[in-house]
Amino acid sequence: MRERIARCRCGQLSATCKGDPVRVSVCHCRSCQRRTGGPFSAQARFPAGDVVVSGEYRVWERIADSGRCAWYRWCPECGATVAYANEGADDFIAIPIGAFADDDLPRPTASIFEGRKQPWLAIVGDGIGHID
């Protein structure tokens, strides 16, 4: 089974993921825009049992627009988020795709919170579902 490793910027925090992600998506919610410093986030979701997080991390918890909780694991040295999970989807862990060193992740199949997408941005491609 294929193994992918995601790392923070300084390299001390990592997430080892077995197999392929069950979904790759982009999100336009304001929280993801603030977390990434960009117009959207891009992440790959893996079954929680297929992800091992190694290294020192801190957890930041927030209540999402849905009213559910989200937990972010981030490096206390460089501040990069390496993994996060959402209440209601506890069986999955999301990994920011920029944290992976490989370039062959599947393309996104969902574009989420499109109602908050920057007006100059277009997410295009075959098979992408657009969700407001």
N, C-alpha and C. Protein backbone atom coordinates (compact mmCIF):
# COMPACT_ATOMS: atom_id res chain seq x y z
N MET A 1 0.84 -1.18 0.00
CA MET A 1 0.00 0.00 0.00
C MET A 1 0.88 1.24 0.00
N ARG A 2 0.53 2.19 -0.81
CA ARG A 2 1.30 3.44 -0.93
C ARG A 2 1.27 4.22 0.39
N GLU A 3 2.39 4.89 0.67
CA GLU A 3 2.50 5.71 1.87
C GLU A 3 2.92 7.13 1.45
N ARG A 4 2.18 8.11 1.94
CA ARG A 4 2.51 9.51 1.67
C ARG A 4 2.85 10.18 2.99
N ILE A 5 3.83 11.08 2.97
CA ILE A 5 4.23 11.77 4.19
C ILE A 5 4.05 13.28 3.99
N ALA A 6 3.31 13.89 4.90
CA ALA A 6 3.13 15.34 4.92
C ALA A 6 3.97 15.88 6.06
N ARG A 7 4.56 17.05 5.87
CA ARG A 7 5.41 17.65 6.90
C ARG A 7 5.10 19.13 7.05
N CYS A 8 5.38 19.63 8.26
CA CYS A 8 5.30 21.07 8.49
C CYS A 8 6.50 21.74 7.82
N ARG A 9 6.58 23.05 7.89
CA ARG A 9 7.68 23.77 7.23
C ARG A 9 9.04 23.44 7.82
N CYS A 10 9.11 23.28 9.15
CA CYS A 10 10.42 23.00 9.75
C CYS A 10 10.73 21.50 9.76
N GLY A 11 9.75 20.66 9.49
CA GLY A 11 9.97 19.22 9.34
C GLY A 11 9.82 18.39 10.60
N GLN A 12 9.61 18.99 11.76
CA GLN A 12 9.55 18.18 12.99
C GLN A 12 8.20 17.50 13.18
N LEU A 13 7.14 17.99 12.55
CA LEU A 13 5.80 17.41 12.66
C LEU A 13 5.43 16.79 11.32
N SER A 14 4.97 15.55 11.37
CA SER A 14 4.62 14.88 10.12
C SER A 14 3.34 14.07 10.29
N ALA A 15 2.74 13.76 9.17
CA ALA A 15 1.58 12.86 9.11
C ALA A 15 1.87 11.85 8.02
N THR A 16 1.91 10.58 8.40
CA THR A 16 2.12 9.50 7.45
C THR A 16 0.76 8.92 7.10
N CYS A 17 0.43 8.92 5.81
CA CYS A 17 -0.89 8.50 5.34
C CYS A 17 -0.74 7.27 4.45
N LYS A 18 -1.51 6.25 4.75
CA LYS A 18 -1.47 5.02 3.94
C LYS A 18 -2.57 5.06 2.90
N GLY A 19 -2.22 4.65 1.68
CA GLY A 19 -3.20 4.56 0.61
C GLY A 19 -3.52 5.90 -0.01
N ASP A 20 -4.57 5.89 -0.79
CA ASP A 20 -5.01 7.10 -1.47
C ASP A 20 -6.06 7.82 -0.64
N PRO A 21 -6.17 9.13 -0.79
CA PRO A 21 -7.20 9.85 -0.06
C PRO A 21 -8.59 9.45 -0.55
N VAL A 22 -9.57 9.55 0.34
CA VAL A 22 -10.95 9.26 -0.06
C VAL A 22 -11.57 10.46 -0.77
N ARG A 23 -11.01 11.64 -0.55
CA ARG A 23 -11.48 12.85 -1.23
C ARG A 23 -10.39 13.91 -1.18
N VAL A 24 -10.28 14.65 -2.27
CA VAL A 24 -9.45 15.84 -2.32
C VAL A 24 -10.40 16.98 -2.65
N SER A 25 -10.33 18.06 -1.87
CA SER A 25 -11.26 19.17 -2.07
C SER A 25 -10.58 20.50 -1.85
N VAL A 26 -11.25 21.55 -2.29
CA VAL A 26 -10.84 22.91 -1.96
C VAL A 26 -11.99 23.53 -1.16
N CYS A 27 -11.66 24.44 -0.25
CA CYS A 27 -12.66 25.08 0.60
C CYS A 27 -12.44 26.59 0.58
N HIS A 28 -13.54 27.32 0.43
CA HIS A 28 -13.48 28.77 0.34
C HIS A 28 -14.00 29.46 1.60
N CYS A 29 -14.23 28.72 2.68
CA CYS A 29 -14.75 29.37 3.89
C CYS A 29 -13.71 30.36 4.43
N ARG A 30 -14.17 31.34 5.17
CA ARG A 30 -13.27 32.37 5.68
C ARG A 30 -12.21 31.79 6.61
N SER A 31 -12.57 30.78 7.38
CA SER A 31 -11.59 30.16 8.27
C SER A 31 -10.43 29.55 7.49
N CYS A 32 -10.74 28.85 6.41
CA CYS A 32 -9.66 28.27 5.59
C CYS A 32 -8.85 29.35 4.90
N GLN A 33 -9.50 30.44 4.48
CA GLN A 33 -8.76 31.54 3.87
C GLN A 33 -7.78 32.13 4.89
N ARG A 34 -8.23 32.29 6.13
CA ARG A 34 -7.35 32.84 7.16
C ARG A 34 -6.23 31.87 7.52
N ARG A 35 -6.56 30.57 7.60
CA ARG A 35 -5.56 29.57 7.98
C ARG A 35 -4.44 29.49 6.95
N THR A 36 -4.80 29.57 5.66
CA THR A 36 -3.79 29.41 4.62
C THR A 36 -3.17 30.73 4.18
N GLY A 37 -3.86 31.83 4.43
CA GLY A 37 -3.39 33.11 3.93
C GLY A 37 -3.65 33.27 2.45
N GLY A 38 -4.46 32.39 1.88
CA GLY A 38 -4.78 32.43 0.46
C GLY A 38 -6.28 32.48 0.22
N PRO A 39 -6.71 32.44 -1.03
CA PRO A 39 -8.13 32.55 -1.34
C PRO A 39 -8.93 31.27 -1.05
N PHE A 40 -8.25 30.16 -0.81
CA PHE A 40 -8.92 28.90 -0.48
C PHE A 40 -7.90 27.94 0.13
N SER A 41 -8.40 26.85 0.67
CA SER A 41 -7.52 25.78 1.13
C SER A 41 -7.71 24.57 0.22
N ALA A 42 -6.76 23.69 0.21
CA ALA A 42 -6.86 22.44 -0.54
C ALA A 42 -6.38 21.33 0.38
N GLN A 43 -7.18 20.27 0.51
CA GLN A 43 -6.86 19.21 1.45
C GLN A 43 -7.26 17.84 0.91
N ALA A 44 -6.56 16.84 1.43
CA ALA A 44 -6.86 15.44 1.12
C ALA A 44 -7.35 14.78 2.40
N ARG A 45 -8.46 14.07 2.31
CA ARG A 45 -9.02 13.39 3.48
C ARG A 45 -8.70 11.90 3.39
N PHE A 46 -8.24 11.38 4.53
CA PHE A 46 -7.89 9.97 4.65
C PHE A 46 -8.68 9.38 5.81
N PRO A 47 -8.96 8.06 5.76
CA PRO A 47 -9.55 7.43 6.94
C PRO A 47 -8.62 7.64 8.14
N ALA A 48 -9.18 7.97 9.29
CA ALA A 48 -8.37 8.28 10.48
C ALA A 48 -7.42 7.14 10.83
N GLY A 49 -7.83 5.91 10.63
CA GLY A 49 -6.98 4.77 10.94
C GLY A 49 -5.79 4.61 10.02
N ASP A 50 -5.77 5.36 8.92
CA ASP A 50 -4.67 5.30 7.96
C ASP A 50 -3.69 6.46 8.10
N VAL A 51 -3.84 7.26 9.17
CA VAL A 51 -2.97 8.43 9.38
C VAL A 51 -2.29 8.32 10.74
N VAL A 52 -0.97 8.50 10.75
CA VAL A 52 -0.19 8.54 12.00
C VAL A 52 0.51 9.89 12.04
N VAL A 53 0.21 10.68 13.08
CA VAL A 53 0.84 11.98 13.27
C VAL A 53 2.01 11.81 14.23
N SER A 54 3.19 12.29 13.83
CA SER A 54 4.40 12.15 14.64
C SER A 54 5.04 13.52 14.86
N GLY A 55 5.58 13.72 16.05
CA GLY A 55 6.23 14.98 16.39
C GLY A 55 5.39 15.75 17.38
N GLU A 56 5.94 16.88 17.80
CA GLU A 56 5.24 17.72 18.77
C GLU A 56 4.22 18.60 18.05
N TYR A 57 3.02 18.67 18.58
CA TYR A 57 2.01 19.55 18.00
C TYR A 57 1.12 20.14 19.09
N ARG A 58 0.46 21.18 18.73
CA ARG A 58 -0.56 21.80 19.57
C ARG A 58 -1.90 21.59 18.87
N VAL A 59 -2.98 21.66 19.63
CA VAL A 59 -4.31 21.54 19.06
C VAL A 59 -5.05 22.85 19.27
N TRP A 60 -5.63 23.36 18.22
CA TRP A 60 -6.49 24.52 18.30
C TRP A 60 -7.88 24.08 17.90
N GLU A 61 -8.86 24.46 18.68
CA GLU A 61 -10.24 24.04 18.48
C GLU A 61 -11.08 25.26 18.14
N ARG A 62 -11.98 25.10 17.19
CA ARG A 62 -12.89 26.20 16.86
C ARG A 62 -14.26 25.64 16.52
N ILE A 63 -15.27 26.49 16.65
CA ILE A 63 -16.62 26.12 16.25
C ILE A 63 -16.83 26.65 14.83
N ALA A 64 -17.18 25.75 13.93
CA ALA A 64 -17.37 26.10 12.52
C ALA A 64 -18.73 26.76 12.32
N ASP A 65 -18.95 27.28 11.11
CA ASP A 65 -20.23 27.89 10.77
C ASP A 65 -21.39 26.91 10.96
N SER A 66 -21.10 25.63 10.84
CA SER A 66 -22.13 24.61 11.01
C SER A 66 -22.53 24.42 12.47
N GLY A 67 -21.74 24.99 13.39
CA GLY A 67 -21.97 24.78 14.82
C GLY A 67 -21.19 23.60 15.37
N ARG A 68 -20.52 22.88 14.49
CA ARG A 68 -19.71 21.73 14.90
C ARG A 68 -18.27 22.16 15.17
N CYS A 69 -17.56 21.32 15.90
CA CYS A 69 -16.19 21.62 16.29
C CYS A 69 -15.20 21.12 15.23
N ALA A 70 -14.11 21.84 15.08
CA ALA A 70 -12.99 21.42 14.24
C ALA A 70 -11.73 21.49 15.09
N TRP A 71 -10.84 20.51 14.92
CA TRP A 71 -9.59 20.43 15.69
C TRP A 71 -8.42 20.46 14.72
N TYR A 72 -7.52 21.40 14.92
CA TYR A 72 -6.35 21.57 14.05
C TYR A 72 -5.10 21.19 14.82
N ARG A 73 -4.25 20.36 14.22
CA ARG A 73 -2.95 20.02 14.80
C ARG A 73 -1.90 20.82 14.04
N TRP A 74 -1.17 21.64 14.79
CA TRP A 74 -0.19 22.51 14.16
C TRP A 74 1.13 22.46 14.91
N CYS A 75 2.18 22.79 14.19
CA CYS A 75 3.53 22.75 14.73
C CYS A 75 3.78 23.98 15.60
N PRO A 76 4.22 23.79 16.86
CA PRO A 76 4.49 24.94 17.72
C PRO A 76 5.78 25.68 17.33
N GLU A 77 6.59 25.08 16.48
CA GLU A 77 7.84 25.72 16.05
C GLU A 77 7.62 26.64 14.85
N CYS A 78 6.97 26.12 13.78
CA CYS A 78 6.82 26.91 12.56
C CYS A 78 5.38 27.36 12.31
N GLY A 79 4.43 26.83 13.06
CA GLY A 79 3.04 27.26 12.95
C GLY A 79 2.22 26.60 11.87
N ALA A 80 2.79 25.69 11.11
CA ALA A 80 2.06 25.06 10.01
C ALA A 80 1.04 24.04 10.52
N THR A 81 -0.16 24.08 9.93
CA THR A 81 -1.16 23.05 10.21
C THR A 81 -0.82 21.82 9.39
N VAL A 82 -0.79 20.65 10.03
CA VAL A 82 -0.45 19.42 9.33
C VAL A 82 -1.64 18.47 9.25
N ALA A 83 -2.59 18.58 10.16
CA ALA A 83 -3.75 17.70 10.14
C ALA A 83 -4.91 18.37 10.86
N TYR A 84 -6.12 18.05 10.42
CA TYR A 84 -7.28 18.52 11.16
C TYR A 84 -8.45 17.57 10.95
N ALA A 85 -9.40 17.67 11.87
CA ALA A 85 -10.59 16.82 11.83
C ALA A 85 -11.80 17.66 12.17
N ASN A 86 -12.94 17.22 11.70
CA ASN A 86 -14.19 17.93 11.93
C ASN A 86 -15.19 17.02 12.64
N GLU A 87 -15.86 17.58 13.64
CA GLU A 87 -16.92 16.85 14.32
C GLU A 87 -17.98 16.45 13.29
N GLY A 88 -18.43 15.23 13.38
CA GLY A 88 -19.39 14.72 12.42
C GLY A 88 -18.71 13.96 11.29
N ALA A 89 -17.42 14.14 11.15
CA ALA A 89 -16.62 13.41 10.16
C ALA A 89 -15.40 12.85 10.89
N ASP A 90 -15.63 12.37 12.12
CA ASP A 90 -14.55 11.92 13.00
C ASP A 90 -13.73 10.76 12.45
N ASP A 91 -14.28 10.06 11.48
CA ASP A 91 -13.57 8.91 10.91
C ASP A 91 -12.51 9.32 9.89
N PHE A 92 -12.37 10.62 9.65
CA PHE A 92 -11.45 11.10 8.63
C PHE A 92 -10.54 12.19 9.19
N ILE A 93 -9.33 12.26 8.63
CA ILE A 93 -8.38 13.32 8.96
C ILE A 93 -8.03 14.01 7.65
N ALA A 94 -8.08 15.33 7.67
CA ALA A 94 -7.73 16.13 6.50
C ALA A 94 -6.28 16.59 6.62
N ILE A 95 -5.57 16.51 5.52
CA ILE A 95 -4.17 16.92 5.45
C ILE A 95 -4.06 17.98 4.36
N PRO A 96 -3.52 19.17 4.66
CA PRO A 96 -3.32 20.17 3.60
C PRO A 96 -2.42 19.60 2.50
N ILE A 97 -2.86 19.70 1.25
CA ILE A 97 -2.09 19.05 0.19
C ILE A 97 -0.72 19.68 -0.01
N GLY A 98 -0.55 20.94 0.37
CA GLY A 98 0.75 21.58 0.25
C GLY A 98 1.79 21.00 1.20
N ALA A 99 1.36 20.22 2.19
CA ALA A 99 2.29 19.62 3.15
C ALA A 99 2.93 18.34 2.59
N PHE A 100 2.39 17.82 1.49
CA PHE A 100 2.96 16.62 0.88
C PHE A 100 4.08 17.00 -0.07
N ALA A 101 5.09 16.15 -0.16
CA ALA A 101 6.21 16.39 -1.08
C ALA A 101 5.94 15.79 -2.46
N ASP A 102 4.89 14.96 -2.58
CA ASP A 102 4.63 14.36 -3.89
C ASP A 102 3.61 15.19 -4.66
N ASP A 103 3.72 15.09 -5.98
CA ASP A 103 2.86 15.89 -6.85
C ASP A 103 1.80 15.04 -7.54
N ASP A 104 1.58 13.83 -7.09
CA ASP A 104 0.64 12.98 -7.81
C ASP A 104 -0.63 12.65 -7.01
N LEU A 105 -1.02 13.56 -6.13
CA LEU A 105 -2.31 13.38 -5.46
C LEU A 105 -3.42 13.51 -6.49
N PRO A 106 -4.53 12.82 -6.28
CA PRO A 106 -5.66 13.00 -7.21
C PRO A 106 -6.12 14.46 -7.21
N ARG A 107 -6.70 14.89 -8.29
CA ARG A 107 -7.21 16.26 -8.38
C ARG A 107 -8.46 16.42 -7.52
N PRO A 108 -8.78 17.65 -7.16
CA PRO A 108 -9.98 17.87 -6.33
C PRO A 108 -11.26 17.43 -7.03
N THR A 109 -12.19 16.93 -6.23
CA THR A 109 -13.50 16.53 -6.75
C THR A 109 -14.61 17.35 -6.12
N ALA A 110 -14.28 18.27 -5.21
CA ALA A 110 -15.29 19.11 -4.57
C ALA A 110 -14.71 20.50 -4.31
N SER A 111 -15.54 21.50 -4.53
CA SER A 111 -15.22 22.89 -4.21
C SER A 111 -16.31 23.37 -3.26
N ILE A 112 -15.92 23.60 -2.00
CA ILE A 112 -16.87 23.81 -0.92
C ILE A 112 -16.94 25.28 -0.51
N PHE A 113 -18.10 25.71 -0.02
CA PHE A 113 -18.36 27.09 0.39
C PHE A 113 -18.13 28.05 -0.78
N GLU A 114 -18.62 27.66 -1.94
CA GLU A 114 -18.43 28.50 -3.13
C GLU A 114 -19.07 29.88 -2.97
N GLY A 115 -20.06 30.01 -2.09
CA GLY A 115 -20.67 31.31 -1.85
C GLY A 115 -19.70 32.30 -1.24
N ARG A 116 -18.59 31.82 -0.70
CA ARG A 116 -17.57 32.70 -0.11
C ARG A 116 -16.30 32.75 -0.96
N LYS A 117 -16.37 32.18 -2.14
CA LYS A 117 -15.23 32.18 -3.05
C LYS A 117 -14.93 33.61 -3.49
N GLN A 118 -13.65 33.93 -3.60
CA GLN A 118 -13.25 35.24 -4.10
C GLN A 118 -13.83 35.43 -5.50
N PRO A 119 -14.37 36.58 -5.82
CA PRO A 119 -15.08 36.77 -7.09
C PRO A 119 -14.20 36.61 -8.33
N TRP A 120 -12.90 36.76 -8.21
CA TRP A 120 -12.01 36.66 -9.35
C TRP A 120 -11.48 35.24 -9.56
N LEU A 121 -11.92 34.30 -8.72
CA LEU A 121 -11.39 32.93 -8.74
C LEU A 121 -12.37 31.97 -9.39
N ALA A 122 -11.86 31.05 -10.19
CA ALA A 122 -12.68 29.99 -10.78
C ALA A 122 -12.00 28.65 -10.51
N ILE A 123 -12.75 27.70 -9.96
CA ILE A 123 -12.25 26.33 -9.77
C ILE A 123 -12.87 25.51 -10.89
N VAL A 124 -12.04 25.02 -11.78
CA VAL A 124 -12.53 24.31 -12.96
C VAL A 124 -11.89 22.94 -13.07
N GLY A 125 -12.49 22.09 -13.86
CA GLY A 125 -11.95 20.76 -14.10
C GLY A 125 -13.07 19.75 -14.18
N ASP A 126 -12.82 18.68 -14.85
CA ASP A 126 -13.82 17.62 -14.98
C ASP A 126 -14.07 16.98 -13.63
N GLY A 127 -15.33 16.75 -13.31
CA GLY A 127 -15.70 16.01 -12.12
C GLY A 127 -15.71 16.78 -10.83
N ILE A 128 -15.56 18.12 -10.87
CA ILE A 128 -15.57 18.89 -9.62
C ILE A 128 -17.00 19.28 -9.29
N GLY A 129 -17.44 18.88 -8.09
CA GLY A 129 -18.75 19.29 -7.61
C GLY A 129 -18.63 20.62 -6.90
N HIS A 130 -19.55 21.53 -7.16
CA HIS A 130 -19.53 22.86 -6.56
C HIS A 130 -20.62 22.92 -5.50
N ILE A 131 -20.23 23.20 -4.26
CA ILE A 131 -21.14 23.16 -3.11
C ILE A 131 -21.11 24.53 -2.43
N ASP A 132 -22.30 25.12 -2.23
CA ASP A 132 -22.36 26.43 -1.55
C ASP A 132 -22.29 26.31 -0.07
